[in-house]
Amino acid sequence: MPAEIQRRFTRSAKTRSEMCSINRRMPKPTNEQLQPFRRLYRSRKRIQVSMQRWLF
């Protein structure tokens, strides 16, 4: 495994573990709380996809 790829992988793994620990500390939201956010995320994803199609 090349050193640069390994370095990048370990960095991403470190940040991922940090994120996991942060998420563990925060209270888990219920489905009712997440519903509007899920809808928003879906629409934002669609917008991103259309933007990508438009740009490239």
N, C-alpha and C. Protein backbone atom coordinates (compact mmCIF):
# COMPACT_ATOMS: atom_id res chain seq x y z
N MET A 1 0.84 -1.20 0.00
CA MET A 1 0.00 0.00 0.00
C MET A 1 0.89 1.26 0.00
N PRO A 2 0.66 2.17 -0.96
CA PRO A 2 1.48 3.39 -0.99
C PRO A 2 1.28 4.24 0.27
N ALA A 3 2.34 4.94 0.64
CA ALA A 3 2.32 5.69 1.90
C ALA A 3 1.25 6.78 1.90
N GLU A 4 1.10 7.47 0.73
CA GLU A 4 0.16 8.59 0.67
C GLU A 4 -1.29 8.12 0.87
N ILE A 5 -1.62 7.02 0.21
CA ILE A 5 -2.98 6.46 0.35
C ILE A 5 -3.21 6.03 1.79
N GLN A 6 -2.20 5.38 2.36
CA GLN A 6 -2.33 4.92 3.75
C GLN A 6 -2.51 6.10 4.70
N ARG A 7 -1.74 7.18 4.46
CA ARG A 7 -1.85 8.36 5.30
C ARG A 7 -3.26 8.94 5.22
N ARG A 8 -3.76 9.05 3.99
CA ARG A 8 -5.11 9.59 3.78
C ARG A 8 -6.15 8.70 4.47
N PHE A 9 -5.96 7.39 4.34
CA PHE A 9 -6.92 6.45 4.93
C PHE A 9 -6.93 6.57 6.45
N THR A 10 -5.74 6.64 7.06
CA THR A 10 -5.67 6.73 8.52
C THR A 10 -6.28 8.05 8.98
N ARG A 11 -6.05 9.14 8.23
CA ARG A 11 -6.61 10.43 8.59
C ARG A 11 -8.14 10.35 8.56
N SER A 12 -8.69 9.76 7.51
CA SER A 12 -10.14 9.66 7.39
C SER A 12 -10.70 8.76 8.49
N ALA A 13 -9.99 7.69 8.81
CA ALA A 13 -10.44 6.79 9.87
C ALA A 13 -10.46 7.53 11.21
N LYS A 14 -9.44 8.35 11.44
CA LYS A 14 -9.36 9.12 12.68
C LYS A 14 -10.55 10.07 12.79
N THR A 15 -10.81 10.83 11.72
CA THR A 15 -11.92 11.77 11.76
C THR A 15 -13.25 11.03 11.92
N ARG A 16 -13.35 9.85 11.28
CA ARG A 16 -14.57 9.07 11.38
C ARG A 16 -14.80 8.63 12.83
N SER A 17 -13.74 8.17 13.48
CA SER A 17 -13.87 7.74 14.88
C SER A 17 -14.24 8.93 15.76
N GLU A 18 -13.67 10.10 15.46
CA GLU A 18 -14.03 11.31 16.21
C GLU A 18 -15.52 11.61 16.03
N MET A 19 -16.00 11.54 14.78
CA MET A 19 -17.40 11.79 14.50
C MET A 19 -18.28 10.81 15.27
N CYS A 20 -17.88 9.54 15.28
CA CYS A 20 -18.67 8.52 15.98
C CYS A 20 -18.78 8.85 17.47
N SER A 21 -17.65 9.26 18.05
CA SER A 21 -17.66 9.58 19.48
C SER A 21 -18.56 10.80 19.74
N ILE A 22 -18.50 11.79 18.84
CA ILE A 22 -19.36 12.97 18.98
C ILE A 22 -20.83 12.56 18.89
N ASN A 23 -21.13 11.70 17.90
CA ASN A 23 -22.51 11.25 17.71
C ASN A 23 -23.00 10.45 18.90
N ARG A 24 -22.11 9.67 19.52
CA ARG A 24 -22.49 8.87 20.67
C ARG A 24 -22.87 9.78 21.84
N ARG A 25 -22.14 10.89 21.96
CA ARG A 25 -22.40 11.82 23.06
C ARG A 25 -23.75 12.52 22.90
N MET A 26 -24.11 12.80 21.64
CA MET A 26 -25.36 13.54 21.40
C MET A 26 -26.56 12.61 21.52
N PRO A 27 -27.71 13.11 22.01
CA PRO A 27 -28.91 12.29 22.10
C PRO A 27 -29.45 11.96 20.70
N LYS A 28 -29.92 10.74 20.56
CA LYS A 28 -30.42 10.30 19.25
C LYS A 28 -31.81 10.88 18.99
N PRO A 29 -32.00 11.59 17.87
CA PRO A 29 -33.32 12.14 17.57
C PRO A 29 -34.30 11.04 17.14
N THR A 30 -35.57 11.26 17.43
CA THR A 30 -36.59 10.28 17.06
C THR A 30 -36.98 10.45 15.59
N ASN A 31 -37.70 9.48 15.06
CA ASN A 31 -38.12 9.52 13.66
C ASN A 31 -38.97 10.75 13.34
N GLU A 32 -39.85 11.12 14.27
CA GLU A 32 -40.72 12.28 14.03
C GLU A 32 -39.89 13.55 13.87
N GLN A 33 -38.82 13.67 14.68
CA GLN A 33 -37.94 14.83 14.57
C GLN A 33 -37.18 14.83 13.25
N LEU A 34 -36.82 13.62 12.78
CA LEU A 34 -36.00 13.51 11.58
C LEU A 34 -36.78 13.71 10.29
N GLN A 35 -38.10 13.50 10.33
CA GLN A 35 -38.90 13.50 9.10
C GLN A 35 -38.68 14.72 8.21
N PRO A 36 -38.81 15.96 8.70
CA PRO A 36 -38.58 17.12 7.83
C PRO A 36 -37.16 17.19 7.28
N PHE A 37 -36.19 16.81 8.13
CA PHE A 37 -34.80 16.85 7.70
C PHE A 37 -34.55 15.86 6.57
N ARG A 38 -35.18 14.68 6.69
CA ARG A 38 -35.01 13.66 5.66
C ARG A 38 -35.53 14.17 4.32
N ARG A 39 -36.69 14.83 4.36
CA ARG A 39 -37.27 15.38 3.14
C ARG A 39 -36.34 16.43 2.55
N LEU A 40 -35.82 17.30 3.42
CA LEU A 40 -34.90 18.37 2.99
C LEU A 40 -33.65 17.77 2.36
N TYR A 41 -33.11 16.73 3.02
CA TYR A 41 -31.89 16.10 2.53
C TYR A 41 -32.11 15.49 1.15
N ARG A 42 -33.27 14.83 0.99
CA ARG A 42 -33.58 14.19 -0.28
C ARG A 42 -33.62 15.24 -1.40
N SER A 43 -34.31 16.36 -1.13
CA SER A 43 -34.42 17.41 -2.15
C SER A 43 -33.06 18.02 -2.45
N ARG A 44 -32.23 18.20 -1.39
CA ARG A 44 -30.91 18.78 -1.60
C ARG A 44 -30.04 17.85 -2.44
N LYS A 45 -30.17 16.55 -2.20
CA LYS A 45 -29.43 15.56 -2.98
C LYS A 45 -29.82 15.65 -4.45
N ARG A 46 -31.12 15.77 -4.71
CA ARG A 46 -31.61 15.89 -6.08
C ARG A 46 -31.04 17.15 -6.73
N ILE A 47 -31.02 18.24 -5.98
CA ILE A 47 -30.48 19.51 -6.51
C ILE A 47 -29.01 19.33 -6.86
N GLN A 48 -28.24 18.67 -5.97
CA GLN A 48 -26.82 18.44 -6.22
C GLN A 48 -26.62 17.62 -7.49
N VAL A 49 -27.43 16.59 -7.67
CA VAL A 49 -27.32 15.74 -8.85
C VAL A 49 -27.59 16.54 -10.12
N SER A 50 -28.65 17.36 -10.08
CA SER A 50 -28.99 18.16 -11.26
C SER A 50 -27.89 19.19 -11.54
N MET A 51 -27.31 19.76 -10.47
CA MET A 51 -26.20 20.70 -10.65
C MET A 51 -25.02 20.01 -11.32
N GLN A 52 -24.72 18.79 -10.88
CA GLN A 52 -23.61 18.04 -11.48
C GLN A 52 -23.86 17.79 -12.96
N ARG A 53 -25.09 17.42 -13.29
CA ARG A 53 -25.43 17.18 -14.70
C ARG A 53 -25.26 18.45 -15.51
N TRP A 54 -25.64 19.56 -14.89
CA TRP A 54 -25.59 20.85 -15.59
C TRP A 54 -24.14 21.31 -15.77
N LEU A 55 -23.30 21.03 -14.74
CA LEU A 55 -21.91 21.51 -14.81
C LEU A 55 -21.06 20.67 -15.76
N PHE A 56 -21.29 19.34 -15.77
CA PHE A 56 -20.41 18.48 -16.58
C PHE A 56 -21.15 17.91 -17.79
